[in-house]
Structure formats: C-alpha cells, structure tokens
C-alpha cells in the first residue's frame, strides 16, 4: 500500500523529487516504512516496490519496522534527497544485518527508439556476476553485491538475460521474456539467494523517468 507524503505546493516551493522503497531482503518480514515520522508504506513484502513518492528536497530520516510495530526499527537511516532527482531505496541483505542502499535512478539522454538499462546486484550470498545475453554478449561485467552498474543503451525487444559467474560461461540464472519497450528507463535487480530459498531471481522494473 502507498501513502503519499507531500505538502501542498506554492510557487515558492521547489519541485519535488521522487523516491520509492524496494523490499529486497530475502528473509525479512513485511515492513512498514516511515519518512520523518510519516507512514509511507504499510506491509511492504519481499520483492515489492512502493510507488514513487514525491518529496521536497532535503534530509529525511527513514525508519523501517516489521509490519504492525513501531519499536526497534530494522533500518534507521537518513537520506539526502537532492533537487530534481529520482531514487530507489532498497532494503538489502539478510534480516540480521539488513542495510539500506540508495540507488540513483538517473536518466541519461537516449536516442529515440532505444532504452536505458542498469543492473543492481542485491543477492546477499551470490558471488560477483556478469549480466549477458544468451549469445554471450556481456552487458555488465564483474558486478558484486550492492553494486550499481553504469547506464547502458540497448535496443528494445523481448530479451532473455543471463546471470553468469563473473568472467566465466557458467550460467546461474536465465530470465526469458523480459520486455524492454522503446524510450523507457529500466533497472534489472538480482534478488534472492543462490542455491537456497527464496531462489535467485531477476526483477525488471521501470524507473521514474519512464512515467
């Protein structure tokens, strides 16, 4: 569920930036998320995103609690929201050492008819990986846990992506039917656990600049 938190604007106020929350901690329960004391997400479950939340630029204290509680937050952090910026804040790692990761959803200029892609490694027990096409073309190389790749322009298509152990041909995950539409901005997230439950998985999500 999504709870908007944005005061009424007047002409002297700066334009809002946008932040969404992504629950990527594979063994954490559903969570409630607060920004400066305001509830912005309730019962957010693993692999789910909030919508992008408009926020006035500034410093925000983010508290994350197991859903239905308001003591002993599993995450207590501050983030600086810059003007005219978009972010995804991911809850990463296992519950015992869960940490936030602020991911800038930066939109670069793209040629008409192409799409922008980046990759974020959020599987806490998976080694360094390459993201490739099935023919071995490497899109992103040597990406480790919590690393955010640079942006890459790719042709739109119904793509199949593969995760391979970095520097090898060993495929650890195949993700077919990932529809990349033209003139859109995407992030591919690797989540879950290698050789464990919940399993390793790829999630392809639209970034704010696509809306």
N, C-alpha and C. Protein backbone atom coordinates (compact mmCIF):
# COMPACT_ATOMS: atom_id res chain seq x y z
N UNK A 1 0.85 -1.19 0.00
CA UNK A 1 0.00 0.00 0.00
C UNK A 1 0.88 1.24 0.00
N UNK A 2 0.33 2.33 -0.49
CA UNK A 2 1.12 3.55 -0.70
C UNK A 2 0.44 4.71 -0.02
N UNK A 3 1.22 5.48 0.72
CA UNK A 3 0.68 6.60 1.46
C UNK A 3 1.42 7.86 1.06
N UNK A 4 0.83 8.69 0.23
CA UNK A 4 1.54 9.88 -0.24
C UNK A 4 1.88 10.82 0.91
N UNK A 5 3.07 11.44 0.80
CA UNK A 5 3.51 12.37 1.82
C UNK A 5 4.12 13.56 1.11
N UNK A 6 3.30 14.55 0.84
CA UNK A 6 3.80 15.74 0.17
C UNK A 6 2.90 16.90 0.56
N UNK A 7 3.47 17.96 1.10
CA UNK A 7 2.65 19.11 1.45
C UNK A 7 2.14 19.82 0.21
N UNK A 8 1.11 20.65 0.43
CA UNK A 8 0.60 21.45 -0.68
C UNK A 8 1.69 22.41 -1.16
N UNK A 9 1.75 22.59 -2.46
CA UNK A 9 2.81 23.41 -3.05
C UNK A 9 2.32 24.82 -3.31
N UNK A 10 3.27 25.75 -3.21
CA UNK A 10 3.02 27.07 -3.77
C UNK A 10 4.19 27.39 -4.69
N UNK A 11 4.12 28.53 -5.33
CA UNK A 11 5.09 28.83 -6.38
C UNK A 11 6.51 29.00 -5.83
N UNK A 12 6.67 29.28 -4.53
CA UNK A 12 8.00 29.48 -3.97
C UNK A 12 8.66 28.16 -3.59
N UNK A 13 7.92 27.06 -3.58
CA UNK A 13 8.48 25.78 -3.21
C UNK A 13 9.22 25.14 -4.38
N UNK A 14 10.31 24.41 -4.09
CA UNK A 14 10.99 23.69 -5.17
C UNK A 14 10.13 22.55 -5.68
N UNK A 15 10.40 22.15 -6.91
CA UNK A 15 9.71 20.99 -7.44
C UNK A 15 10.14 19.74 -6.68
N UNK A 16 9.23 18.77 -6.50
CA UNK A 16 9.58 17.60 -5.70
C UNK A 16 10.54 16.68 -6.44
N UNK A 17 11.28 15.92 -5.66
CA UNK A 17 11.98 14.76 -6.18
C UNK A 17 11.14 13.54 -5.86
N UNK A 18 11.58 12.36 -6.32
CA UNK A 18 10.76 11.16 -6.17
C UNK A 18 11.60 10.01 -5.64
N UNK A 19 11.04 9.30 -4.67
CA UNK A 19 11.71 8.18 -4.03
C UNK A 19 10.72 7.03 -3.92
N UNK A 20 11.19 5.81 -4.24
CA UNK A 20 10.39 4.62 -3.97
C UNK A 20 11.20 3.69 -3.07
N UNK A 21 10.51 2.80 -2.36
CA UNK A 21 11.14 1.83 -1.47
C UNK A 21 10.98 0.44 -2.09
N UNK A 22 12.07 -0.34 -2.05
CA UNK A 22 12.08 -1.69 -2.60
C UNK A 22 12.50 -2.65 -1.50
N UNK A 23 11.66 -3.63 -1.21
CA UNK A 23 11.95 -4.65 -0.20
C UNK A 23 12.72 -5.78 -0.88
N UNK A 24 14.03 -5.83 -0.66
CA UNK A 24 14.88 -6.82 -1.32
C UNK A 24 15.64 -7.69 -0.32
N UNK A 25 15.20 -7.72 0.93
CA UNK A 25 15.82 -8.57 1.95
C UNK A 25 15.12 -9.91 1.98
N UNK A 26 15.79 -11.00 1.57
CA UNK A 26 15.07 -12.26 1.30
C UNK A 26 14.47 -12.94 2.51
N UNK A 27 14.97 -12.68 3.72
CA UNK A 27 14.39 -13.35 4.89
C UNK A 27 13.69 -12.38 5.83
N UNK A 28 13.50 -11.14 5.42
CA UNK A 28 12.83 -10.15 6.27
C UNK A 28 11.32 -10.26 6.10
N UNK A 29 10.57 -9.97 7.17
CA UNK A 29 9.11 -9.99 7.05
C UNK A 29 8.62 -8.77 6.30
N UNK A 30 7.31 -8.69 6.10
CA UNK A 30 6.71 -7.47 5.57
C UNK A 30 7.03 -6.31 6.51
N UNK A 31 7.19 -5.12 5.95
CA UNK A 31 7.64 -3.98 6.74
C UNK A 31 6.75 -2.77 6.53
N UNK A 32 6.77 -1.89 7.54
CA UNK A 32 6.19 -0.57 7.43
C UNK A 32 7.35 0.43 7.36
N UNK A 33 7.20 1.45 6.53
CA UNK A 33 8.27 2.42 6.30
C UNK A 33 7.77 3.82 6.65
N UNK A 34 8.59 4.55 7.41
CA UNK A 34 8.27 5.92 7.81
C UNK A 34 9.34 6.86 7.30
N UNK A 35 8.93 8.03 6.82
CA UNK A 35 9.84 9.11 6.43
C UNK A 35 9.52 10.33 7.27
N UNK A 36 10.49 10.76 8.09
CA UNK A 36 10.27 11.87 9.01
C UNK A 36 8.99 11.70 9.83
N UNK A 37 8.77 10.47 10.29
CA UNK A 37 7.64 10.18 11.16
C UNK A 37 6.33 9.91 10.45
N UNK A 38 6.29 10.03 9.13
CA UNK A 38 5.06 9.81 8.37
C UNK A 38 5.10 8.42 7.72
N UNK A 39 4.01 7.67 7.88
CA UNK A 39 3.92 6.34 7.27
C UNK A 39 3.83 6.48 5.76
N UNK A 40 4.78 5.89 5.03
CA UNK A 40 4.76 5.98 3.56
C UNK A 40 4.53 4.63 2.89
N UNK A 41 4.70 3.54 3.64
CA UNK A 41 4.44 2.21 3.07
C UNK A 41 4.04 1.28 4.20
N UNK A 42 2.98 0.53 3.99
CA UNK A 42 2.47 -0.39 5.01
C UNK A 42 2.47 -1.81 4.47
N UNK A 43 3.01 -2.74 5.25
CA UNK A 43 3.01 -4.17 4.91
C UNK A 43 3.67 -4.42 3.56
N UNK A 44 4.80 -3.75 3.32
CA UNK A 44 5.55 -3.94 2.08
C UNK A 44 6.27 -5.28 2.16
N UNK A 45 5.99 -6.16 1.22
CA UNK A 45 6.54 -7.51 1.26
C UNK A 45 7.76 -7.66 0.37
N UNK A 46 8.51 -8.73 0.62
CA UNK A 46 9.71 -9.03 -0.18
C UNK A 46 9.38 -9.02 -1.67
N UNK A 47 10.22 -8.37 -2.44
CA UNK A 47 10.16 -8.21 -3.90
C UNK A 47 9.17 -7.14 -4.34
N UNK A 48 8.52 -6.45 -3.39
CA UNK A 48 7.57 -5.41 -3.77
C UNK A 48 8.21 -4.03 -3.68
N UNK A 49 7.70 -3.14 -4.54
CA UNK A 49 8.07 -1.72 -4.55
C UNK A 49 6.88 -0.90 -4.08
N UNK A 50 7.16 0.25 -3.47
CA UNK A 50 6.14 1.28 -3.38
C UNK A 50 6.06 1.99 -4.73
N UNK A 51 5.06 2.82 -4.88
CA UNK A 51 5.09 3.78 -5.98
C UNK A 51 6.17 4.82 -5.67
N UNK A 52 6.51 5.63 -6.67
CA UNK A 52 7.42 6.74 -6.41
C UNK A 52 6.70 7.80 -5.57
N UNK A 53 7.34 8.20 -4.49
CA UNK A 53 6.77 9.13 -3.54
C UNK A 53 7.36 10.51 -3.76
N UNK A 54 6.54 11.54 -3.99
CA UNK A 54 7.09 12.89 -4.15
C UNK A 54 7.53 13.47 -2.81
N UNK A 55 8.76 13.95 -2.76
CA UNK A 55 9.31 14.54 -1.54
C UNK A 55 9.97 15.87 -1.87
N UNK A 56 9.77 16.84 -0.98
CA UNK A 56 10.51 18.10 -1.10
C UNK A 56 11.99 17.80 -0.84
N UNK A 57 12.92 18.31 -1.64
CA UNK A 57 14.34 18.07 -1.39
C UNK A 57 14.74 18.43 0.03
N UNK A 58 15.61 17.63 0.61
CA UNK A 58 16.07 17.85 1.98
C UNK A 58 16.52 16.55 2.60
N UNK A 59 16.72 16.55 3.91
CA UNK A 59 17.17 15.37 4.65
C UNK A 59 15.96 14.67 5.26
N UNK A 60 15.91 13.35 5.12
CA UNK A 60 14.81 12.55 5.64
C UNK A 60 15.36 11.41 6.49
N UNK A 61 14.73 11.22 7.64
CA UNK A 61 15.01 10.05 8.46
C UNK A 61 14.06 8.94 8.04
N UNK A 62 14.63 7.81 7.64
CA UNK A 62 13.85 6.67 7.19
C UNK A 62 13.91 5.58 8.26
N UNK A 63 12.76 5.19 8.76
CA UNK A 63 12.65 4.10 9.73
C UNK A 63 11.85 2.96 9.11
N UNK A 64 12.36 1.74 9.26
CA UNK A 64 11.70 0.55 8.73
C UNK A 64 11.47 -0.41 9.89
N UNK A 65 10.19 -0.79 10.08
CA UNK A 65 9.81 -1.68 11.16
C UNK A 65 9.14 -2.95 10.59
N UNK A 66 9.27 -4.07 11.29
CA UNK A 66 8.39 -5.19 10.95
C UNK A 66 6.94 -4.71 10.99
N UNK A 67 6.16 -5.09 10.02
CA UNK A 67 4.82 -4.53 9.85
C UNK A 67 3.98 -4.67 11.12
N UNK A 68 3.34 -3.57 11.49
CA UNK A 68 2.47 -3.56 12.66
C UNK A 68 3.17 -3.16 13.94
N UNK A 69 4.49 -2.88 13.87
CA UNK A 69 5.23 -2.47 15.06
C UNK A 69 5.81 -1.08 14.85
N UNK A 70 6.17 -0.44 15.96
CA UNK A 70 6.78 0.89 15.88
C UNK A 70 7.95 1.03 16.85
N UNK A 71 8.52 -0.09 17.28
CA UNK A 71 9.71 -0.07 18.12
C UNK A 71 10.78 -0.95 17.48
N UNK A 72 12.03 -0.69 17.84
CA UNK A 72 13.17 -1.48 17.34
C UNK A 72 13.18 -1.57 15.82
N UNK A 73 13.38 -0.46 15.14
CA UNK A 73 13.40 -0.49 13.68
C UNK A 73 14.54 -1.37 13.17
N UNK A 74 14.29 -2.07 12.06
CA UNK A 74 15.35 -2.87 11.45
C UNK A 74 16.26 -2.01 10.59
N UNK A 75 15.76 -0.85 10.17
CA UNK A 75 16.58 0.15 9.48
C UNK A 75 16.27 1.51 10.08
N UNK A 76 17.33 2.24 10.41
CA UNK A 76 17.23 3.61 10.91
C UNK A 76 18.32 4.40 10.22
N UNK A 77 17.95 5.17 9.20
CA UNK A 77 18.96 5.85 8.40
C UNK A 77 18.44 7.21 7.96
N UNK A 78 19.35 8.05 7.49
CA UNK A 78 18.99 9.34 6.91
C UNK A 78 19.43 9.37 5.46
N UNK A 79 18.62 9.98 4.62
CA UNK A 79 18.99 10.16 3.22
C UNK A 79 18.83 11.62 2.85
N UNK A 80 19.69 12.09 1.98
CA UNK A 80 19.60 13.44 1.43
C UNK A 80 18.93 13.36 0.08
N UNK A 81 17.77 13.94 -0.04
CA UNK A 81 17.03 13.99 -1.30
C UNK A 81 17.41 15.27 -2.02
N UNK A 82 18.10 15.13 -3.14
CA UNK A 82 18.56 16.29 -3.90
C UNK A 82 17.46 16.81 -4.81
N UNK A 83 17.53 18.07 -5.23
CA UNK A 83 16.50 18.61 -6.12
C UNK A 83 16.46 17.89 -7.46
N UNK A 84 15.25 17.73 -7.97
CA UNK A 84 15.04 17.20 -9.32
C UNK A 84 15.75 15.86 -9.51
N UNK A 85 15.56 14.95 -8.55
CA UNK A 85 16.24 13.66 -8.59
C UNK A 85 15.25 12.54 -8.30
N UNK A 86 15.58 11.35 -8.78
CA UNK A 86 14.77 10.16 -8.54
C UNK A 86 15.65 9.09 -7.90
N UNK A 87 15.08 8.38 -6.92
CA UNK A 87 15.84 7.36 -6.20
C UNK A 87 14.97 6.13 -5.94
N UNK A 88 15.63 4.98 -5.86
CA UNK A 88 15.06 3.80 -5.25
C UNK A 88 15.89 3.49 -4.01
N UNK A 89 15.23 3.33 -2.87
CA UNK A 89 15.92 2.94 -1.64
C UNK A 89 15.56 1.48 -1.37
N UNK A 90 16.57 0.62 -1.46
CA UNK A 90 16.35 -0.82 -1.31
C UNK A 90 16.77 -1.28 0.08
N UNK A 91 15.95 -2.13 0.69
CA UNK A 91 16.35 -2.84 1.90
C UNK A 91 17.11 -4.08 1.46
N UNK A 92 18.39 -4.19 1.82
CA UNK A 92 19.25 -5.22 1.27
C UNK A 92 19.87 -6.07 2.38
N UNK A 93 20.32 -7.26 1.99
CA UNK A 93 20.98 -8.17 2.92
C UNK A 93 19.98 -9.00 3.69
N UNK A 94 20.51 -9.90 4.53
CA UNK A 94 19.66 -10.70 5.40
C UNK A 94 19.20 -9.86 6.58
N UNK A 95 18.12 -10.30 7.23
CA UNK A 95 17.50 -9.51 8.28
C UNK A 95 18.48 -9.16 9.40
N UNK A 96 19.38 -10.09 9.75
CA UNK A 96 20.28 -9.84 10.87
C UNK A 96 21.25 -8.70 10.60
N UNK A 97 21.51 -8.40 9.33
CA UNK A 97 22.40 -7.27 9.02
C UNK A 97 21.83 -6.43 7.88
N UNK A 98 20.53 -6.25 7.90
CA UNK A 98 19.84 -5.52 6.83
C UNK A 98 20.35 -4.08 6.77
N UNK A 99 20.55 -3.59 5.54
CA UNK A 99 21.05 -2.23 5.32
C UNK A 99 20.29 -1.59 4.16
N UNK A 100 20.15 -0.25 4.19
CA UNK A 100 19.55 0.43 3.04
C UNK A 100 20.60 0.69 1.97
N UNK A 101 20.16 0.67 0.74
CA UNK A 101 21.01 1.06 -0.39
C UNK A 101 20.25 2.09 -1.21
N UNK A 102 20.83 3.29 -1.32
CA UNK A 102 20.20 4.36 -2.11
C UNK A 102 20.70 4.23 -3.54
N UNK A 103 19.77 4.04 -4.47
CA UNK A 103 20.08 3.80 -5.88
C UNK A 103 19.59 5.00 -6.68
N UNK A 104 20.48 5.81 -7.22
CA UNK A 104 20.03 6.93 -8.06
C UNK A 104 19.43 6.41 -9.37
N UNK A 105 18.20 6.78 -9.62
CA UNK A 105 17.53 6.40 -10.88
C UNK A 105 17.76 7.52 -11.89
N UNK A 106 19.01 7.65 -12.29
CA UNK A 106 19.43 8.75 -13.14
C UNK A 106 19.07 8.46 -14.59
N UNK A 107 18.41 9.40 -15.20
CA UNK A 107 18.02 9.25 -16.61
C UNK A 107 19.01 9.99 -17.49
N UNK A 108 19.65 9.25 -18.39
CA UNK A 108 20.55 9.86 -19.37
C UNK A 108 19.78 10.09 -20.67
N UNK A 109 20.20 11.06 -21.48
CA UNK A 109 19.55 11.23 -22.78
C UNK A 109 19.69 9.94 -23.60
N UNK A 110 18.62 9.55 -24.27
CA UNK A 110 18.67 8.35 -25.11
C UNK A 110 18.23 8.69 -26.52
N UNK A 111 18.75 7.93 -27.47
CA UNK A 111 18.31 8.08 -28.86
C UNK A 111 16.89 7.58 -28.99
N UNK A 112 16.05 8.25 -29.79
CA UNK A 112 14.68 7.76 -29.99
C UNK A 112 14.69 6.31 -30.45
N UNK A 113 13.80 5.52 -29.85
CA UNK A 113 13.69 4.12 -30.22
C UNK A 113 14.62 3.19 -29.46
N UNK A 114 15.44 3.74 -28.56
CA UNK A 114 16.28 2.90 -27.72
C UNK A 114 15.77 2.95 -26.28
N UNK A 115 16.43 2.19 -25.39
CA UNK A 115 16.05 2.17 -23.99
C UNK A 115 17.31 2.21 -23.13
N UNK A 116 17.14 2.69 -21.90
CA UNK A 116 18.26 2.72 -20.95
C UNK A 116 18.09 1.61 -19.93
N UNK A 117 19.22 0.98 -19.58
CA UNK A 117 19.21 -0.15 -18.65
C UNK A 117 20.35 0.01 -17.66
N UNK A 118 20.10 -0.34 -16.40
CA UNK A 118 21.18 -0.53 -15.44
C UNK A 118 20.89 -1.78 -14.64
N UNK A 119 21.92 -2.28 -13.93
CA UNK A 119 21.81 -3.53 -13.20
C UNK A 119 22.28 -3.32 -11.77
N UNK A 120 21.52 -3.88 -10.81
CA UNK A 120 21.87 -3.77 -9.39
C UNK A 120 21.86 -5.18 -8.79
N UNK A 121 22.98 -5.55 -8.19
CA UNK A 121 23.16 -6.88 -7.60
C UNK A 121 22.72 -6.83 -6.14
N UNK A 122 21.60 -7.49 -5.81
CA UNK A 122 21.06 -7.45 -4.46
C UNK A 122 20.89 -8.84 -3.86
N UNK A 123 21.61 -9.83 -4.38
CA UNK A 123 21.57 -11.18 -3.81
C UNK A 123 22.71 -11.31 -2.80
N UNK A 124 22.39 -11.41 -1.49
CA UNK A 124 23.44 -11.30 -0.47
C UNK A 124 24.46 -12.43 -0.45
N UNK A 125 24.10 -13.62 -0.99
CA UNK A 125 25.07 -14.72 -0.94
C UNK A 125 25.59 -15.10 -2.32
N UNK A 126 25.23 -14.33 -3.34
CA UNK A 126 25.71 -14.64 -4.69
C UNK A 126 27.06 -13.96 -4.93
N UNK A 127 27.94 -14.62 -5.68
CA UNK A 127 29.24 -14.01 -5.98
C UNK A 127 29.12 -12.92 -7.03
N UNK A 128 30.24 -12.37 -7.42
CA UNK A 128 30.29 -11.39 -8.49
C UNK A 128 29.76 -12.02 -9.78
N UNK A 129 28.97 -11.27 -10.54
CA UNK A 129 28.33 -11.82 -11.73
C UNK A 129 28.49 -10.89 -12.92
N UNK A 130 28.29 -11.47 -14.10
CA UNK A 130 28.11 -10.72 -15.35
C UNK A 130 26.65 -10.87 -15.77
N UNK A 131 26.07 -9.81 -16.29
CA UNK A 131 24.75 -9.89 -16.92
C UNK A 131 24.96 -9.92 -18.42
N UNK A 132 24.41 -10.93 -19.09
CA UNK A 132 24.69 -11.15 -20.50
C UNK A 132 23.42 -11.47 -21.27
N UNK A 133 23.56 -11.46 -22.59
CA UNK A 133 22.59 -12.08 -23.47
C UNK A 133 22.98 -13.55 -23.64
N UNK A 134 22.04 -14.40 -24.11
CA UNK A 134 22.37 -15.82 -24.29
C UNK A 134 23.52 -16.08 -25.25
N UNK A 135 23.79 -15.18 -26.19
CA UNK A 135 24.90 -15.40 -27.12
C UNK A 135 26.25 -15.05 -26.50
N UNK A 136 26.25 -14.68 -25.23
CA UNK A 136 27.49 -14.36 -24.54
C UNK A 136 27.84 -12.89 -24.52
N UNK A 137 27.07 -12.06 -25.20
CA UNK A 137 27.32 -10.62 -25.16
C UNK A 137 27.19 -10.12 -23.72
N UNK A 138 28.23 -9.49 -23.21
CA UNK A 138 28.23 -9.01 -21.82
C UNK A 138 27.68 -7.59 -21.77
N UNK A 139 26.61 -7.43 -21.01
CA UNK A 139 26.03 -6.11 -20.80
C UNK A 139 26.70 -5.40 -19.63
N UNK A 140 26.86 -6.11 -18.51
CA UNK A 140 27.50 -5.56 -17.33
C UNK A 140 28.44 -6.61 -16.77
N UNK A 141 29.65 -6.20 -16.45
CA UNK A 141 30.71 -7.14 -16.10
C UNK A 141 31.16 -6.93 -14.64
N UNK A 142 31.39 -8.05 -13.94
CA UNK A 142 32.01 -8.03 -12.60
C UNK A 142 31.23 -7.17 -11.61
N UNK A 143 29.93 -7.43 -11.51
CA UNK A 143 29.07 -6.68 -10.59
C UNK A 143 28.94 -7.47 -9.30
N UNK A 144 29.32 -6.86 -8.17
CA UNK A 144 29.26 -7.55 -6.89
C UNK A 144 28.06 -7.07 -6.08
N UNK A 145 27.81 -7.75 -4.96
CA UNK A 145 26.66 -7.45 -4.10
C UNK A 145 26.63 -5.97 -3.73
N UNK A 146 25.47 -5.37 -3.93
CA UNK A 146 25.17 -3.96 -3.67
C UNK A 146 25.84 -2.99 -4.64
N UNK A 147 26.41 -3.52 -5.72
CA UNK A 147 26.99 -2.64 -6.73
C UNK A 147 25.93 -2.22 -7.74
N UNK A 148 26.02 -0.97 -8.17
CA UNK A 148 25.10 -0.39 -9.15
C UNK A 148 25.89 -0.15 -10.43
N UNK A 149 25.45 -0.73 -11.52
CA UNK A 149 26.18 -0.61 -12.78
C UNK A 149 26.01 0.79 -13.37
N UNK A 150 26.84 1.15 -14.34
CA UNK A 150 26.55 2.34 -15.15
C UNK A 150 25.30 2.10 -16.00
N UNK A 151 24.83 3.17 -16.62
CA UNK A 151 23.70 3.06 -17.55
C UNK A 151 24.18 2.57 -18.91
N UNK A 152 23.30 1.84 -19.59
CA UNK A 152 23.61 1.28 -20.90
C UNK A 152 22.39 1.43 -21.79
N UNK A 153 22.61 1.84 -23.04
CA UNK A 153 21.52 1.90 -24.01
C UNK A 153 21.44 0.56 -24.76
N UNK A 154 20.24 0.01 -24.85
CA UNK A 154 20.06 -1.24 -25.59
C UNK A 154 18.85 -1.11 -26.51
N UNK A 155 18.78 -1.93 -27.55
CA UNK A 155 17.61 -1.89 -28.43
C UNK A 155 16.42 -2.52 -27.73
N UNK A 156 15.24 -1.97 -27.91
CA UNK A 156 14.05 -2.57 -27.31
C UNK A 156 13.74 -3.91 -27.97
N UNK A 157 13.29 -4.86 -27.17
CA UNK A 157 12.94 -6.21 -27.66
C UNK A 157 12.45 -7.01 -26.48
N UNK A 158 11.95 -8.21 -26.77
CA UNK A 158 11.62 -9.17 -25.72
C UNK A 158 12.89 -9.97 -25.45
N UNK A 159 13.70 -9.51 -24.51
CA UNK A 159 15.04 -10.04 -24.31
C UNK A 159 15.05 -11.21 -23.34
N UNK A 160 16.06 -12.06 -23.48
CA UNK A 160 16.44 -13.02 -22.46
C UNK A 160 17.76 -12.57 -21.86
N UNK A 161 17.79 -12.47 -20.53
CA UNK A 161 19.01 -12.09 -19.83
C UNK A 161 19.55 -13.30 -19.08
N UNK A 162 20.86 -13.37 -18.95
CA UNK A 162 21.51 -14.42 -18.18
C UNK A 162 22.43 -13.81 -17.14
N UNK A 163 22.44 -14.43 -15.97
CA UNK A 163 23.46 -14.13 -14.97
C UNK A 163 24.52 -15.22 -15.05
N UNK A 164 25.78 -14.82 -15.18
CA UNK A 164 26.88 -15.76 -15.24
C UNK A 164 27.89 -15.42 -14.16
N UNK A 165 28.53 -16.45 -13.63
CA UNK A 165 29.64 -16.18 -12.72
C UNK A 165 30.64 -15.30 -13.44
N UNK A 166 31.08 -14.25 -12.79
CA UNK A 166 31.90 -13.24 -13.44
C UNK A 166 33.12 -13.87 -14.11
N UNK A 167 33.31 -13.50 -15.37
CA UNK A 167 34.47 -13.95 -16.11
C UNK A 167 34.41 -15.37 -16.62
N UNK A 168 33.22 -16.02 -16.51
CA UNK A 168 33.08 -17.40 -16.96
C UNK A 168 31.86 -17.52 -17.85
N UNK A 169 31.68 -18.73 -18.43
CA UNK A 169 30.49 -19.04 -19.22
C UNK A 169 29.42 -19.75 -18.38
N UNK A 170 29.64 -19.92 -17.09
CA UNK A 170 28.70 -20.66 -16.24
C UNK A 170 27.47 -19.81 -15.95
N UNK A 171 26.32 -20.25 -16.46
CA UNK A 171 25.05 -19.55 -16.28
C UNK A 171 24.42 -20.00 -14.97
N UNK A 172 24.13 -19.04 -14.08
CA UNK A 172 23.48 -19.37 -12.82
C UNK A 172 22.00 -19.02 -12.82
N UNK A 173 21.57 -18.22 -13.78
CA UNK A 173 20.15 -17.86 -13.87
C UNK A 173 19.84 -17.38 -15.27
N UNK A 174 18.72 -17.85 -15.82
CA UNK A 174 18.22 -17.37 -17.11
C UNK A 174 16.85 -16.73 -16.89
N UNK A 175 16.67 -15.53 -17.42
CA UNK A 175 15.41 -14.79 -17.27
C UNK A 175 14.87 -14.46 -18.64
N UNK A 176 13.98 -15.31 -19.19
CA UNK A 176 13.43 -15.05 -20.52
C UNK A 176 12.29 -14.04 -20.46
N UNK A 177 11.89 -13.57 -21.65
CA UNK A 177 10.69 -12.75 -21.81
C UNK A 177 10.70 -11.48 -20.97
N UNK A 178 11.84 -10.81 -20.98
CA UNK A 178 11.95 -9.50 -20.31
C UNK A 178 11.68 -8.42 -21.36
N UNK A 179 10.46 -7.90 -21.35
CA UNK A 179 10.04 -6.96 -22.40
C UNK A 179 10.62 -5.58 -22.12
N UNK A 180 11.51 -5.15 -22.99
CA UNK A 180 12.11 -3.81 -22.91
C UNK A 180 11.50 -2.97 -24.02
N UNK A 181 10.70 -1.99 -23.63
CA UNK A 181 9.99 -1.16 -24.60
C UNK A 181 10.85 0.04 -25.00
N UNK A 182 10.59 0.61 -26.17
CA UNK A 182 11.39 1.77 -26.60
C UNK A 182 11.12 3.00 -25.74
N UNK A 183 12.14 3.85 -25.65
CA UNK A 183 12.04 5.14 -24.96
C UNK A 183 11.65 4.98 -23.49
N UNK A 184 12.18 3.93 -22.87
CA UNK A 184 11.91 3.67 -21.46
C UNK A 184 13.23 3.51 -20.70
N UNK A 185 13.13 3.63 -19.38
CA UNK A 185 14.28 3.52 -18.48
C UNK A 185 14.01 2.37 -17.51
N UNK A 186 14.93 1.42 -17.44
CA UNK A 186 14.73 0.21 -16.64
C UNK A 186 15.91 -0.03 -15.71
N UNK A 187 15.61 -0.70 -14.59
CA UNK A 187 16.65 -1.28 -13.75
C UNK A 187 16.37 -2.76 -13.60
N UNK A 188 17.42 -3.57 -13.80
CA UNK A 188 17.34 -5.01 -13.54
C UNK A 188 17.96 -5.27 -12.17
N UNK A 189 17.18 -5.90 -11.29
CA UNK A 189 17.66 -6.25 -9.96
C UNK A 189 17.81 -7.76 -9.87
N UNK A 190 18.96 -8.22 -9.36
CA UNK A 190 19.12 -9.63 -8.98
C UNK A 190 18.83 -9.73 -7.49
N UNK A 191 17.84 -10.56 -7.12
CA UNK A 191 17.44 -10.69 -5.72
C UNK A 191 17.39 -12.18 -5.37
N UNK A 192 17.15 -12.45 -4.09
CA UNK A 192 17.05 -13.84 -3.65
C UNK A 192 18.41 -14.42 -3.29
N UNK A 193 18.44 -15.74 -3.18
CA UNK A 193 19.63 -16.44 -2.68
C UNK A 193 20.09 -17.49 -3.68
N UNK A 194 21.39 -17.56 -3.86
CA UNK A 194 21.97 -18.59 -4.71
C UNK A 194 21.92 -19.94 -3.99
N UNK A 195 21.34 -20.94 -4.65
CA UNK A 195 21.26 -22.31 -4.11
C UNK A 195 20.56 -22.37 -2.76
N UNK A 196 19.53 -21.54 -2.59
CA UNK A 196 18.79 -21.52 -1.34
C UNK A 196 17.42 -20.93 -1.62
N UNK A 197 16.62 -20.76 -0.59
CA UNK A 197 15.29 -20.19 -0.71
C UNK A 197 15.22 -18.88 0.07
N UNK A 198 14.50 -17.87 -0.46
CA UNK A 198 13.89 -17.79 -1.79
C UNK A 198 14.95 -17.77 -2.88
N UNK A 199 14.64 -18.31 -4.06
CA UNK A 199 15.68 -18.51 -5.06
C UNK A 199 16.13 -17.22 -5.72
N UNK A 200 17.30 -17.32 -6.33
CA UNK A 200 17.83 -16.22 -7.13
C UNK A 200 16.84 -15.87 -8.24
N UNK A 201 16.63 -14.59 -8.45
CA UNK A 201 15.61 -14.13 -9.41
C UNK A 201 16.01 -12.78 -9.96
N UNK A 202 15.57 -12.51 -11.19
CA UNK A 202 15.74 -11.20 -11.79
C UNK A 202 14.39 -10.48 -11.81
N UNK A 203 14.40 -9.21 -11.38
CA UNK A 203 13.23 -8.35 -11.46
C UNK A 203 13.58 -7.17 -12.35
N UNK A 204 12.79 -6.94 -13.38
CA UNK A 204 12.99 -5.82 -14.30
C UNK A 204 11.93 -4.77 -14.00
N UNK A 205 12.36 -3.58 -13.58
CA UNK A 205 11.44 -2.55 -13.13
C UNK A 205 11.63 -1.27 -13.92
N UNK A 206 10.52 -0.59 -14.22
CA UNK A 206 10.56 0.71 -14.85
C UNK A 206 11.02 1.77 -13.85
N UNK A 207 11.88 2.68 -14.28
CA UNK A 207 12.29 3.80 -13.45
C UNK A 207 11.36 5.00 -13.67
N UNK A 208 11.46 5.97 -12.77
CA UNK A 208 10.54 7.11 -12.76
C UNK A 208 10.52 7.87 -14.08
N UNK A 209 11.66 7.98 -14.75
CA UNK A 209 11.71 8.76 -15.99
C UNK A 209 10.88 8.15 -17.10
N UNK A 210 10.41 6.91 -16.90
CA UNK A 210 9.55 6.26 -17.90
C UNK A 210 8.11 6.69 -17.76
N UNK A 211 7.74 7.33 -16.66
CA UNK A 211 6.34 7.62 -16.39
C UNK A 211 5.93 8.97 -16.98
